[in-house]
Amino acid sequence: MGLGKSIEKLNDYYDRLEQGKAEKIQAAHVEKVIAKLENKKKTLKTDLAESSKENKKKRLTSKLSTVSEQLERARWLLKKVQ
């Protein structure tokens, strides 16, 4: 699952939570998204450390920031559904 799909899935979970359908969100699914986001974060950090081009570093830093924000959202959601 790519970063976009992970974010899409999180947005879907948030929509369900707002609609009062939180009981349909399984904690295991949120944990799976968290694991994928953590793996993506690790990969981005490695790529950033290995990168020598300034443009690529900026792009990777931006992606890393997005992944960190999504991880925070996912962890908050996990607390809500447990």
C-alpha atoms as a PDB file:
ATOM      1  CA  MET A   1       0.000   0.000   0.000  1.00  0.00           C
ATOM      2  CA  GLY A   2       1.438   3.331  -1.033  1.00  0.00           C
ATOM      3  CA  LEU A   3       1.482   6.456   1.070  1.00  0.00           C
ATOM      4  CA  GLY A   4      -1.569   7.832  -0.717  1.00  0.00           C
ATOM      5  CA  LYS A   5      -3.601   4.694  -0.044  1.00  0.00           C
ATOM      6  CA  SER A   6      -2.610   4.737   3.642  1.00  0.00           C
ATOM      7  CA  ILE A   7      -3.728   8.347   3.970  1.00  0.00           C
ATOM      8  CA  GLU A   8      -6.934   7.566   2.084  1.00  0.00           C
ATOM      9  CA  LYS A   9      -7.679   4.695   4.441  1.00  0.00           C
ATOM     10  CA  LEU A  10      -7.057   6.914   7.483  1.00  0.00           C
ATOM     11  CA  ASN A  11      -9.381   9.568   6.059  1.00  0.00           C
ATOM     12  CA  ASP A  12     -12.041   6.909   5.582  1.00  0.00           C
ATOM     13  CA  TYR A  13     -11.637   5.825   9.211  1.00  0.00           C
ATOM     14  CA  TYR A  14     -11.957   9.443  10.376  1.00  0.00           C
ATOM     15  CA  ASP A  15     -15.132   9.850   8.324  1.00  0.00           C
ATOM     16  CA  ARG A  16     -16.597   6.761   9.942  1.00  0.00           C
ATOM     17  CA  LEU A  17     -15.677   8.052  13.379  1.00  0.00           C
ATOM     18  CA  GLU A  18     -17.435  11.359  12.673  1.00  0.00           C
ATOM     19  CA  GLN A  19     -20.534   9.488  11.492  1.00  0.00           C
ATOM     20  CA  GLY A  20     -20.691   7.544  14.741  1.00  0.00           C
ATOM     21  CA  LYS A  21     -19.628   4.290  13.130  1.00  0.00           C
ATOM     22  CA  ALA A  22     -16.448   3.850  15.167  1.00  0.00           C
ATOM     23  CA  GLU A  23     -17.460   0.335  16.210  1.00  0.00           C
ATOM     24  CA  LYS A  24     -16.962  -0.742  12.594  1.00  0.00           C
ATOM     25  CA  ILE A  25     -13.295   0.300  12.707  1.00  0.00           C
ATOM     26  CA  GLN A  26     -11.101  -2.563  13.823  1.00  0.00           C
ATOM     27  CA  ALA A  27      -8.038  -1.670  15.861  1.00  0.00           C
ATOM     28  CA  ALA A  28      -6.018  -4.266  13.944  1.00  0.00           C
ATOM     29  CA  HIS A  29      -6.667  -2.382  10.698  1.00  0.00           C
ATOM     30  CA  VAL A  30      -5.466   0.883  12.198  1.00  0.00           C
ATOM     31  CA  GLU A  31      -2.396  -0.888  13.608  1.00  0.00           C
ATOM     32  CA  LYS A  32      -1.649  -2.222  10.130  1.00  0.00           C
ATOM     33  CA  VAL A  33      -1.779   1.309   8.694  1.00  0.00           C
ATOM     34  CA  ILE A  34       0.492   2.519  11.507  1.00  0.00           C
ATOM     35  CA  ALA A  35       3.015  -0.227  10.732  1.00  0.00           C
ATOM     36  CA  LYS A  36       3.021   0.706   7.054  1.00  0.00           C
ATOM     37  CA  LEU A  37       3.472   4.389   7.849  1.00  0.00           C
ATOM     38  CA  GLU A  38       6.338   3.599  10.238  1.00  0.00           C
ATOM     39  CA  ASN A  39       8.033   1.524   7.532  1.00  0.00           C
ATOM     40  CA  LYS A  40       7.584   4.378   5.067  1.00  0.00           C
ATOM     41  CA  LYS A  41       9.057   6.821   7.589  1.00  0.00           C
ATOM     42  CA  LYS A  42      12.082   4.570   8.076  1.00  0.00           C
ATOM     43  CA  THR A  43      12.583   4.274   4.305  1.00  0.00           C
ATOM     44  CA  LEU A  44      12.287   8.028   3.819  1.00  0.00           C
ATOM     45  CA  LYS A  45      14.847   8.703   6.559  1.00  0.00           C
ATOM     46  CA  THR A  46      17.268   6.288   4.911  1.00  0.00           C
ATOM     47  CA  ASP A  47      16.723   7.864   1.490  1.00  0.00           C
ATOM     48  CA  LEU A  48      17.173  11.325   2.965  1.00  0.00           C
ATOM     49  CA  ALA A  49      20.476  10.358   4.584  1.00  0.00           C
ATOM     50  CA  GLU A  50      21.729   8.892   1.295  1.00  0.00           C
ATOM     51  CA  SER A  51      20.543  11.765  -0.901  1.00  0.00           C
ATOM     52  CA  SER A  52      23.003  14.311  -2.190  1.00  0.00           C
ATOM     53  CA  LYS A  53      20.683  16.480  -4.308  1.00  0.00           C
ATOM     54  CA  GLU A  54      19.080  19.452  -2.582  1.00  0.00           C
ATOM     55  CA  ASN A  55      15.782  19.180  -4.504  1.00  0.00           C
ATOM     56  CA  LYS A  56      15.426  15.537  -3.576  1.00  0.00           C
ATOM     57  CA  LYS A  57      16.179  16.324   0.073  1.00  0.00           C
ATOM     58  CA  LYS A  58      13.416  18.947   0.130  1.00  0.00           C
ATOM     59  CA  ARG A  59      10.940  16.535  -1.433  1.00  0.00           C
ATOM     60  CA  LEU A  60      11.875  13.753   0.982  1.00  0.00           C
ATOM     61  CA  THR A  61      11.663  16.125   3.950  1.00  0.00           C
ATOM     62  CA  SER A  62       8.181  17.145   2.860  1.00  0.00           C
ATOM     63  CA  LYS A  63       7.099  13.510   2.534  1.00  0.00           C
ATOM     64  CA  LEU A  64       8.618  12.733   5.923  1.00  0.00           C
ATOM     65  CA  SER A  65       6.617  15.549   7.473  1.00  0.00           C
ATOM     66  CA  THR A  66       3.415  14.222   5.884  1.00  0.00           C
ATOM     67  CA  VAL A  67       4.095  10.703   7.142  1.00  0.00           C
ATOM     68  CA  SER A  68       4.748  12.002  10.658  1.00  0.00           C
ATOM     69  CA  GLU A  69       1.446  13.901  10.668  1.00  0.00           C
ATOM     70  CA  GLN A  70      -0.416  10.829   9.445  1.00  0.00           C
ATOM     71  CA  LEU A  71       1.215   8.697  12.131  1.00  0.00           C
ATOM     72  CA  GLU A  72      -0.022  11.119  14.785  1.00  0.00           C
ATOM     73  CA  ARG A  73      -3.531  10.944  13.336  1.00  0.00           C
ATOM     74  CA  ALA A  74      -3.430   7.148  13.191  1.00  0.00           C
ATOM     75  CA  ARG A  75      -2.253   6.817  16.784  1.00  0.00           C
ATOM     76  CA  TRP A  76      -4.993   9.178  17.947  1.00  0.00           C
ATOM     77  CA  LEU A  77      -7.562   7.162  16.020  1.00  0.00           C
ATOM     78  CA  LEU A  78      -6.268   3.913  17.508  1.00  0.00           C
ATOM     79  CA  LYS A  79      -6.802   5.298  21.006  1.00  0.00           C
ATOM     80  CA  LYS A  80     -10.386   6.220  20.068  1.00  0.00           C
ATOM     81  CA  VAL A  81     -11.323   2.784  18.705  1.00  0.00           C
ATOM     82  CA  GLN A  82      -9.736   0.673  21.427  1.00  0.00           C
END
